[in-house]
Amino acid sequence: MFQALPYEGNRNDQFATVLEQLKSLIHNEPSSIANLANASALLNSFLPDINWVGFYLHDGTELVLGPFQGLPACIRIPMGKGVCGTAAAEQRTIVVDDVHEFPGHIACDAASNSEIVVPLIQGERLIGVLDIDSPLKGRFDQDERQFLEQFAGILTAQL
């Protein structure tokens, strides 16, 4: 059973707590869908000022919507298109302070103003991306980037 804990201490302490919660949630769970669903719910409960968090999974040719928290979203994203498709194609994290300035941004929610996308990679294989949107410009900083990359690494090892 998951029990919400207060996130106390400095940000690094809070990040460490969430990473431990993730490990506990996915431990010995073979279902990728269940693990992705719980991971998106965990981030949604922890991160303030976000309006969408979830996953797009690589099906071999494009990204397809996976488990998420937020409003209904775009179902398919071509590789190399928008922030998600670009992060997937380049297999690197992308932080966008103002999505309206990103060439080819795919707007699924008009309220989104900033975004971070972290690729999920097993060895050389792209599994998908973790996508988080915020209504605030400049919402995601370097510390959160590092935390989310760690989060994605732990999660991907269990997929």
N, C-alpha and C. Protein backbone atom coordinates (compact mmCIF):
# COMPACT_ATOMS: atom_id res chain seq x y z
N MET A 1 0.84 -1.18 0.00
CA MET A 1 0.00 0.00 0.00
C MET A 1 0.88 1.24 0.00
N PHE A 2 0.54 2.19 -0.84
CA PHE A 2 1.28 3.45 -0.89
C PHE A 2 0.72 4.38 0.16
N GLN A 3 1.61 5.02 0.89
CA GLN A 3 1.19 6.00 1.87
C GLN A 3 1.93 7.29 1.58
N ALA A 4 1.18 8.35 1.32
CA ALA A 4 1.79 9.64 1.02
C ALA A 4 2.53 10.14 2.26
N LEU A 5 3.75 10.56 2.05
CA LEU A 5 4.56 11.10 3.13
C LEU A 5 4.74 12.59 2.90
N PRO A 6 4.90 13.35 3.98
CA PRO A 6 5.22 14.76 3.76
C PRO A 6 6.64 14.87 3.20
N TYR A 7 6.80 15.73 2.24
CA TYR A 7 8.12 15.93 1.65
C TYR A 7 8.81 17.03 2.44
N GLU A 8 9.71 16.59 3.35
CA GLU A 8 10.36 17.51 4.26
C GLU A 8 11.84 17.64 3.92
N GLY A 9 12.45 18.65 4.51
CA GLY A 9 13.87 18.87 4.30
C GLY A 9 14.13 19.68 3.05
N ASN A 10 15.40 19.72 2.66
CA ASN A 10 15.75 20.48 1.46
C ASN A 10 15.33 19.71 0.21
N ARG A 11 15.49 20.31 -0.93
CA ARG A 11 15.05 19.69 -2.18
C ARG A 11 15.72 18.35 -2.43
N ASN A 12 17.02 18.26 -2.15
CA ASN A 12 17.72 16.99 -2.38
C ASN A 12 17.16 15.89 -1.49
N ASP A 13 16.79 16.23 -0.25
CA ASP A 13 16.15 15.24 0.63
C ASP A 13 14.80 14.82 0.06
N GLN A 14 14.05 15.79 -0.45
CA GLN A 14 12.75 15.48 -1.04
C GLN A 14 12.90 14.60 -2.28
N PHE A 15 13.87 14.94 -3.12
CA PHE A 15 14.12 14.12 -4.31
C PHE A 15 14.47 12.69 -3.90
N ALA A 16 15.32 12.54 -2.89
CA ALA A 16 15.72 11.21 -2.43
C ALA A 16 14.51 10.42 -1.93
N THR A 17 13.60 11.09 -1.24
CA THR A 17 12.38 10.42 -0.75
C THR A 17 11.55 9.91 -1.91
N VAL A 18 11.38 10.73 -2.94
CA VAL A 18 10.58 10.32 -4.10
C VAL A 18 11.25 9.15 -4.83
N LEU A 19 12.56 9.19 -4.96
CA LEU A 19 13.27 8.09 -5.62
C LEU A 19 13.09 6.78 -4.84
N GLU A 20 13.12 6.86 -3.52
CA GLU A 20 12.88 5.66 -2.70
C GLU A 20 11.44 5.18 -2.85
N GLN A 21 10.49 6.13 -2.92
CA GLN A 21 9.10 5.74 -3.13
C GLN A 21 8.93 5.04 -4.48
N LEU A 22 9.59 5.56 -5.51
CA LEU A 22 9.52 4.93 -6.82
C LEU A 22 10.05 3.50 -6.76
N LYS A 23 11.22 3.33 -6.15
CA LYS A 23 11.81 1.99 -6.05
C LYS A 23 10.85 1.03 -5.36
N SER A 24 10.20 1.50 -4.31
CA SER A 24 9.25 0.66 -3.58
C SER A 24 8.03 0.31 -4.44
N LEU A 25 7.53 1.28 -5.19
CA LEU A 25 6.35 1.06 -6.03
C LEU A 25 6.60 0.05 -7.15
N ILE A 26 7.78 0.08 -7.74
CA ILE A 26 8.03 -0.77 -8.92
C ILE A 26 8.75 -2.08 -8.58
N HIS A 27 9.17 -2.23 -7.34
CA HIS A 27 9.91 -3.42 -6.92
C HIS A 27 9.11 -4.69 -7.22
N ASN A 28 9.71 -5.58 -7.99
CA ASN A 28 9.13 -6.88 -8.34
C ASN A 28 7.81 -6.79 -9.10
N GLU A 29 7.50 -5.64 -9.69
CA GLU A 29 6.29 -5.53 -10.50
C GLU A 29 6.66 -5.70 -11.97
N PRO A 30 6.20 -6.76 -12.62
CA PRO A 30 6.57 -7.01 -14.01
C PRO A 30 5.79 -6.19 -15.05
N SER A 31 4.69 -5.57 -14.65
CA SER A 31 3.87 -4.84 -15.61
C SER A 31 4.42 -3.44 -15.88
N SER A 32 4.88 -3.22 -17.10
CA SER A 32 5.38 -1.89 -17.48
C SER A 32 4.29 -0.84 -17.38
N ILE A 33 3.08 -1.19 -17.79
CA ILE A 33 1.97 -0.23 -17.74
C ILE A 33 1.69 0.18 -16.30
N ALA A 34 1.65 -0.78 -15.39
CA ALA A 34 1.42 -0.47 -13.98
C ALA A 34 2.53 0.42 -13.43
N ASN A 35 3.77 0.11 -13.77
CA ASN A 35 4.90 0.90 -13.28
C ASN A 35 4.88 2.32 -13.82
N LEU A 36 4.56 2.47 -15.10
CA LEU A 36 4.48 3.81 -15.69
C LEU A 36 3.32 4.60 -15.09
N ALA A 37 2.19 3.93 -14.86
CA ALA A 37 1.03 4.60 -14.28
C ALA A 37 1.35 5.10 -12.87
N ASN A 38 1.95 4.24 -12.05
CA ASN A 38 2.31 4.66 -10.70
C ASN A 38 3.38 5.74 -10.70
N ALA A 39 4.32 5.66 -11.62
CA ALA A 39 5.37 6.68 -11.71
C ALA A 39 4.78 8.04 -12.05
N SER A 40 3.84 8.08 -12.99
CA SER A 40 3.23 9.37 -13.34
C SER A 40 2.40 9.91 -12.18
N ALA A 41 1.69 9.04 -11.45
CA ALA A 41 0.92 9.48 -10.29
C ALA A 41 1.84 10.01 -9.19
N LEU A 42 2.97 9.34 -8.97
CA LEU A 42 3.93 9.78 -7.96
C LEU A 42 4.46 11.17 -8.28
N LEU A 43 4.88 11.38 -9.51
CA LEU A 43 5.39 12.70 -9.90
C LEU A 43 4.31 13.76 -9.82
N ASN A 44 3.09 13.40 -10.21
CA ASN A 44 1.99 14.36 -10.16
C ASN A 44 1.70 14.80 -8.72
N SER A 45 1.85 13.88 -7.78
CA SER A 45 1.59 14.22 -6.38
C SER A 45 2.74 15.02 -5.76
N PHE A 46 3.94 14.90 -6.32
CA PHE A 46 5.12 15.54 -5.75
C PHE A 46 5.45 16.90 -6.36
N LEU A 47 5.38 17.01 -7.66
CA LEU A 47 5.84 18.23 -8.33
C LEU A 47 4.77 19.32 -8.33
N PRO A 48 5.07 20.48 -7.76
CA PRO A 48 4.10 21.57 -7.80
C PRO A 48 4.11 22.27 -9.16
N ASP A 49 3.04 22.94 -9.45
CA ASP A 49 2.95 23.80 -10.64
C ASP A 49 3.18 23.05 -11.95
N ILE A 50 2.62 21.85 -12.05
CA ILE A 50 2.62 21.14 -13.33
C ILE A 50 1.17 20.88 -13.73
N ASN A 51 0.94 20.77 -15.03
CA ASN A 51 -0.42 20.49 -15.49
C ASN A 51 -0.51 19.19 -16.30
N TRP A 52 0.61 18.53 -16.53
CA TRP A 52 0.60 17.24 -17.23
C TRP A 52 1.90 16.52 -16.95
N VAL A 53 1.79 15.22 -16.68
CA VAL A 53 2.98 14.38 -16.52
C VAL A 53 2.63 13.00 -17.03
N GLY A 54 3.50 12.46 -17.86
CA GLY A 54 3.23 11.13 -18.37
C GLY A 54 4.29 10.65 -19.33
N PHE A 55 3.93 9.61 -20.03
CA PHE A 55 4.89 8.91 -20.88
C PHE A 55 4.37 8.75 -22.30
N TYR A 56 5.30 8.86 -23.22
CA TYR A 56 5.07 8.47 -24.61
C TYR A 56 6.02 7.31 -24.87
N LEU A 57 5.50 6.24 -25.44
CA LEU A 57 6.28 5.03 -25.67
C LEU A 57 6.62 4.87 -27.15
N HIS A 58 7.86 4.49 -27.41
CA HIS A 58 8.33 4.33 -28.79
C HIS A 58 7.85 2.98 -29.31
N ASP A 59 7.12 3.00 -30.43
CA ASP A 59 6.60 1.75 -31.00
C ASP A 59 7.45 1.25 -32.16
N GLY A 60 8.61 1.85 -32.34
CA GLY A 60 9.50 1.47 -33.44
C GLY A 60 9.54 2.51 -34.54
N THR A 61 8.47 3.31 -34.65
CA THR A 61 8.44 4.35 -35.68
C THR A 61 8.05 5.72 -35.13
N GLU A 62 7.24 5.75 -34.08
CA GLU A 62 6.79 7.02 -33.51
C GLU A 62 6.53 6.85 -32.02
N LEU A 63 6.20 7.96 -31.35
CA LEU A 63 5.85 7.91 -29.94
C LEU A 63 4.34 7.81 -29.80
N VAL A 64 3.89 6.92 -28.91
CA VAL A 64 2.47 6.70 -28.69
C VAL A 64 2.17 6.97 -27.22
N LEU A 65 1.08 7.66 -26.96
CA LEU A 65 0.69 8.02 -25.60
C LEU A 65 0.62 6.80 -24.69
N GLY A 66 1.22 6.95 -23.52
CA GLY A 66 1.18 5.91 -22.49
C GLY A 66 0.49 6.46 -21.25
N PRO A 67 0.71 5.84 -20.09
CA PRO A 67 0.09 6.31 -18.86
C PRO A 67 0.47 7.75 -18.54
N PHE A 68 -0.52 8.50 -18.02
CA PHE A 68 -0.28 9.91 -17.72
C PHE A 68 -1.27 10.40 -16.68
N GLN A 69 -1.01 11.62 -16.19
CA GLN A 69 -1.90 12.36 -15.30
C GLN A 69 -2.09 13.73 -15.93
N GLY A 70 -3.33 14.12 -16.13
CA GLY A 70 -3.62 15.42 -16.72
C GLY A 70 -4.74 15.33 -17.72
N LEU A 71 -4.92 16.39 -18.50
CA LEU A 71 -5.96 16.41 -19.52
C LEU A 71 -5.63 15.44 -20.65
N PRO A 72 -6.66 15.02 -21.41
CA PRO A 72 -6.38 14.18 -22.58
C PRO A 72 -5.29 14.81 -23.45
N ALA A 73 -4.48 13.95 -24.06
CA ALA A 73 -3.28 14.43 -24.75
C ALA A 73 -3.22 13.94 -26.19
N CYS A 74 -2.28 14.51 -26.92
CA CYS A 74 -1.99 14.04 -28.28
C CYS A 74 -1.63 12.56 -28.19
N ILE A 75 -2.14 11.77 -29.13
CA ILE A 75 -1.95 10.32 -29.06
C ILE A 75 -0.64 9.89 -29.70
N ARG A 76 -0.29 10.46 -30.84
CA ARG A 76 0.92 10.05 -31.57
C ARG A 76 1.79 11.27 -31.87
N ILE A 77 3.09 11.09 -31.68
CA ILE A 77 4.05 12.15 -31.98
C ILE A 77 5.14 11.56 -32.86
N PRO A 78 5.34 12.13 -34.05
CA PRO A 78 6.41 11.63 -34.93
C PRO A 78 7.79 11.89 -34.31
N MET A 79 8.71 10.98 -34.58
CA MET A 79 10.09 11.17 -34.13
C MET A 79 10.64 12.45 -34.74
N GLY A 80 11.33 13.24 -33.93
CA GLY A 80 11.93 14.48 -34.39
C GLY A 80 10.99 15.66 -34.42
N LYS A 81 9.72 15.48 -34.04
CA LYS A 81 8.75 16.57 -34.05
C LYS A 81 8.41 17.00 -32.63
N GLY A 82 8.31 18.30 -32.41
CA GLY A 82 7.99 18.81 -31.09
C GLY A 82 9.09 18.51 -30.09
N VAL A 83 8.83 18.85 -28.84
CA VAL A 83 9.84 18.62 -27.80
C VAL A 83 10.02 17.13 -27.55
N CYS A 84 8.90 16.39 -27.44
CA CYS A 84 8.99 14.95 -27.18
C CYS A 84 9.70 14.21 -28.30
N GLY A 85 9.29 14.47 -29.53
CA GLY A 85 9.88 13.78 -30.67
C GLY A 85 11.35 14.11 -30.86
N THR A 86 11.72 15.36 -30.55
CA THR A 86 13.12 15.77 -30.65
C THR A 86 13.97 15.11 -29.57
N ALA A 87 13.47 15.12 -28.33
CA ALA A 87 14.20 14.46 -27.23
C ALA A 87 14.37 12.97 -27.51
N ALA A 88 13.34 12.35 -28.06
CA ALA A 88 13.41 10.92 -28.38
C ALA A 88 14.42 10.67 -29.50
N ALA A 89 14.34 11.44 -30.57
CA ALA A 89 15.23 11.24 -31.72
C ALA A 89 16.69 11.48 -31.35
N GLU A 90 16.94 12.49 -30.51
CA GLU A 90 18.30 12.83 -30.12
C GLU A 90 18.74 12.10 -28.85
N GLN A 91 17.82 11.39 -28.22
CA GLN A 91 18.07 10.65 -26.99
C GLN A 91 18.78 11.50 -25.95
N ARG A 92 18.19 12.67 -25.70
CA ARG A 92 18.74 13.57 -24.69
C ARG A 92 17.60 14.35 -24.03
N THR A 93 17.83 14.75 -22.80
CA THR A 93 16.85 15.55 -22.07
C THR A 93 16.78 16.94 -22.68
N ILE A 94 15.56 17.44 -22.81
CA ILE A 94 15.36 18.80 -23.30
C ILE A 94 14.49 19.55 -22.29
N VAL A 95 14.98 20.71 -21.86
CA VAL A 95 14.22 21.61 -20.99
C VAL A 95 13.88 22.84 -21.82
N VAL A 96 12.60 23.18 -21.86
CA VAL A 96 12.15 24.33 -22.63
C VAL A 96 11.48 25.31 -21.67
N ASP A 97 12.09 26.49 -21.51
CA ASP A 97 11.56 27.50 -20.60
C ASP A 97 10.28 28.14 -21.13
N ASP A 98 10.16 28.24 -22.45
CA ASP A 98 8.96 28.81 -23.08
C ASP A 98 8.65 28.00 -24.33
N VAL A 99 7.64 27.13 -24.23
CA VAL A 99 7.33 26.23 -25.34
C VAL A 99 6.91 26.98 -26.60
N HIS A 100 6.44 28.20 -26.45
CA HIS A 100 6.00 28.97 -27.61
C HIS A 100 7.19 29.43 -28.46
N GLU A 101 8.39 29.33 -27.89
CA GLU A 101 9.62 29.70 -28.60
C GLU A 101 10.29 28.48 -29.25
N PHE A 102 9.79 27.27 -28.95
CA PHE A 102 10.40 26.05 -29.47
C PHE A 102 9.88 25.78 -30.88
N PRO A 103 10.77 25.72 -31.87
CA PRO A 103 10.33 25.49 -33.25
C PRO A 103 9.60 24.15 -33.38
N GLY A 104 8.39 24.19 -33.92
CA GLY A 104 7.63 22.97 -34.14
C GLY A 104 6.97 22.40 -32.91
N HIS A 105 6.85 23.21 -31.85
CA HIS A 105 6.20 22.73 -30.62
C HIS A 105 4.81 22.20 -30.94
N ILE A 106 4.48 21.05 -30.36
CA ILE A 106 3.16 20.45 -30.53
C ILE A 106 2.35 20.81 -29.29
N ALA A 107 1.33 21.63 -29.46
CA ALA A 107 0.52 22.09 -28.33
C ALA A 107 -0.64 21.14 -28.09
N CYS A 108 -0.54 20.36 -27.02
CA CYS A 108 -1.64 19.47 -26.62
C CYS A 108 -2.53 20.16 -25.60
N ASP A 109 -1.98 21.09 -24.82
CA ASP A 109 -2.72 21.84 -23.81
C ASP A 109 -2.30 23.30 -23.92
N ALA A 110 -3.25 24.16 -24.23
CA ALA A 110 -2.95 25.58 -24.42
C ALA A 110 -2.41 26.23 -23.15
N ALA A 111 -2.66 25.63 -21.99
CA ALA A 111 -2.19 26.20 -20.72
C ALA A 111 -0.70 25.95 -20.47
N SER A 112 -0.08 25.06 -21.22
CA SER A 112 1.34 24.73 -21.00
C SER A 112 2.25 25.83 -21.52
N ASN A 113 3.22 26.21 -20.70
CA ASN A 113 4.18 27.23 -21.09
C ASN A 113 5.63 26.78 -21.01
N SER A 114 5.91 25.76 -20.20
CA SER A 114 7.27 25.20 -20.16
C SER A 114 7.16 23.68 -20.10
N GLU A 115 8.28 23.02 -20.42
CA GLU A 115 8.24 21.57 -20.57
C GLU A 115 9.62 20.99 -20.34
N ILE A 116 9.64 19.77 -19.80
CA ILE A 116 10.86 18.98 -19.73
C ILE A 116 10.54 17.59 -20.27
N VAL A 117 11.43 17.07 -21.10
CA VAL A 117 11.26 15.73 -21.66
C VAL A 117 12.55 14.96 -21.43
N VAL A 118 12.42 13.80 -20.79
CA VAL A 118 13.56 12.95 -20.46
C VAL A 118 13.40 11.62 -21.20
N PRO A 119 14.37 11.23 -22.02
CA PRO A 119 14.25 9.95 -22.72
C PRO A 119 14.41 8.76 -21.77
N LEU A 120 13.70 7.69 -22.10
CA LEU A 120 13.81 6.42 -21.37
C LEU A 120 14.59 5.48 -22.27
N ILE A 121 15.81 5.15 -21.87
CA ILE A 121 16.70 4.36 -22.72
C ILE A 121 17.22 3.15 -21.95
N GLN A 122 17.10 1.96 -22.57
CA GLN A 122 17.69 0.72 -22.03
C GLN A 122 18.83 0.34 -22.94
N GLY A 123 20.05 0.49 -22.45
CA GLY A 123 21.21 0.22 -23.30
C GLY A 123 21.22 1.19 -24.46
N GLU A 124 21.03 0.68 -25.67
CA GLU A 124 20.97 1.52 -26.87
C GLU A 124 19.53 1.72 -27.34
N ARG A 125 18.58 1.06 -26.67
CA ARG A 125 17.19 1.02 -27.13
C ARG A 125 16.34 2.11 -26.49
N LEU A 126 15.67 2.90 -27.33
CA LEU A 126 14.74 3.92 -26.85
C LEU A 126 13.42 3.25 -26.47
N ILE A 127 13.01 3.41 -25.22
CA ILE A 127 11.74 2.89 -24.74
C ILE A 127 10.64 3.93 -24.94
N GLY A 128 10.97 5.18 -24.67
CA GLY A 128 10.00 6.27 -24.79
C GLY A 128 10.55 7.51 -24.12
N VAL A 129 9.64 8.37 -23.68
CA VAL A 129 10.04 9.60 -22.99
C VAL A 129 9.10 9.88 -21.82
N LEU A 130 9.66 10.53 -20.81
CA LEU A 130 8.89 11.12 -19.72
C LEU A 130 8.69 12.58 -20.10
N ASP A 131 7.44 13.02 -20.09
CA ASP A 131 7.10 14.38 -20.50
C ASP A 131 6.37 15.07 -19.36
N ILE A 132 6.81 16.27 -18.99
CA ILE A 132 6.15 17.04 -17.94
C ILE A 132 5.96 18.47 -18.44
N ASP A 133 4.73 18.96 -18.31
CA ASP A 133 4.38 20.32 -18.73
C ASP A 133 4.00 21.16 -17.52
N SER A 134 4.20 22.47 -17.64
CA SER A 134 3.82 23.40 -16.59
C SER A 134 3.18 24.64 -17.21
N PRO A 135 2.22 25.23 -16.50
CA PRO A 135 1.66 26.49 -16.97
C PRO A 135 2.60 27.67 -16.72
N LEU A 136 3.66 27.45 -15.94
CA LEU A 136 4.63 28.52 -15.64
C LEU A 136 5.79 28.48 -16.61
N LYS A 137 6.21 29.64 -17.07
CA LYS A 137 7.42 29.71 -17.89
C LYS A 137 8.63 29.51 -16.99
N GLY A 138 9.65 28.81 -17.51
CA GLY A 138 10.88 28.60 -16.76
C GLY A 138 10.70 27.74 -15.52
N ARG A 139 9.74 26.84 -15.52
CA ARG A 139 9.39 26.04 -14.34
C ARG A 139 10.48 25.04 -13.92
N PHE A 140 11.22 24.48 -14.87
CA PHE A 140 12.13 23.37 -14.58
C PHE A 140 13.58 23.83 -14.52
N ASP A 141 14.26 23.52 -13.40
CA ASP A 141 15.65 23.94 -13.24
C ASP A 141 16.60 22.75 -13.35
N GLN A 142 17.88 23.02 -13.19
CA GLN A 142 18.91 21.99 -13.35
C GLN A 142 18.79 20.89 -12.30
N ASP A 143 18.44 21.27 -11.07
CA ASP A 143 18.29 20.25 -10.02
C ASP A 143 17.16 19.29 -10.36
N GLU A 144 16.04 19.81 -10.84
CA GLU A 144 14.93 18.93 -11.22
C GLU A 144 15.29 18.09 -12.43
N ARG A 145 16.05 18.67 -13.33
CA ARG A 145 16.49 17.89 -14.49
C ARG A 145 17.27 16.66 -14.03
N GLN A 146 18.24 16.87 -13.14
CA GLN A 146 19.05 15.76 -12.64
C GLN A 146 18.18 14.75 -11.89
N PHE A 147 17.26 15.24 -11.07
CA PHE A 147 16.35 14.35 -10.34
C PHE A 147 15.51 13.52 -11.30
N LEU A 148 14.94 14.16 -12.32
CA LEU A 148 14.08 13.45 -13.27
C LEU A 148 14.87 12.46 -14.12
N GLU A 149 16.12 12.77 -14.42
CA GLU A 149 16.97 11.81 -15.14
C GLU A 149 17.25 10.59 -14.26
N GLN A 150 17.47 10.80 -12.96
CA GLN A 150 17.64 9.67 -12.04
C GLN A 150 16.35 8.86 -11.96
N PHE A 151 15.23 9.55 -11.84
CA PHE A 151 13.91 8.92 -11.77
C PHE A 151 13.69 8.04 -13.00
N ALA A 152 13.97 8.60 -14.17
CA ALA A 152 13.80 7.86 -15.42
C ALA A 152 14.72 6.64 -15.48
N GLY A 153 15.95 6.79 -15.00
CA GLY A 153 16.88 5.67 -15.00
C GLY A 153 16.42 4.52 -14.13
N ILE A 154 15.93 4.84 -12.94
CA ILE A 154 15.42 3.81 -12.03
C ILE A 154 14.21 3.11 -12.65
N LEU A 155 13.31 3.90 -13.19
CA LEU A 155 12.09 3.35 -13.80
C LEU A 155 12.42 2.48 -15.01
N THR A 156 13.28 2.97 -15.87
CA THR A 156 13.61 2.25 -17.11
C THR A 156 14.24 0.89 -16.81
N ALA A 157 15.01 0.81 -15.75
CA ALA A 157 15.64 -0.47 -15.39
C ALA A 157 14.61 -1.54 -15.06
N GLN A 158 13.39 -1.12 -14.70
CA GLN A 158 12.34 -2.06 -14.32
C GLN A 158 11.34 -2.31 -15.45
N LEU A 159 11.49 -1.63 -16.57
CA LEU A 159 10.52 -1.81 -17.67
C LEU A 159 10.89 -3.00 -18.54
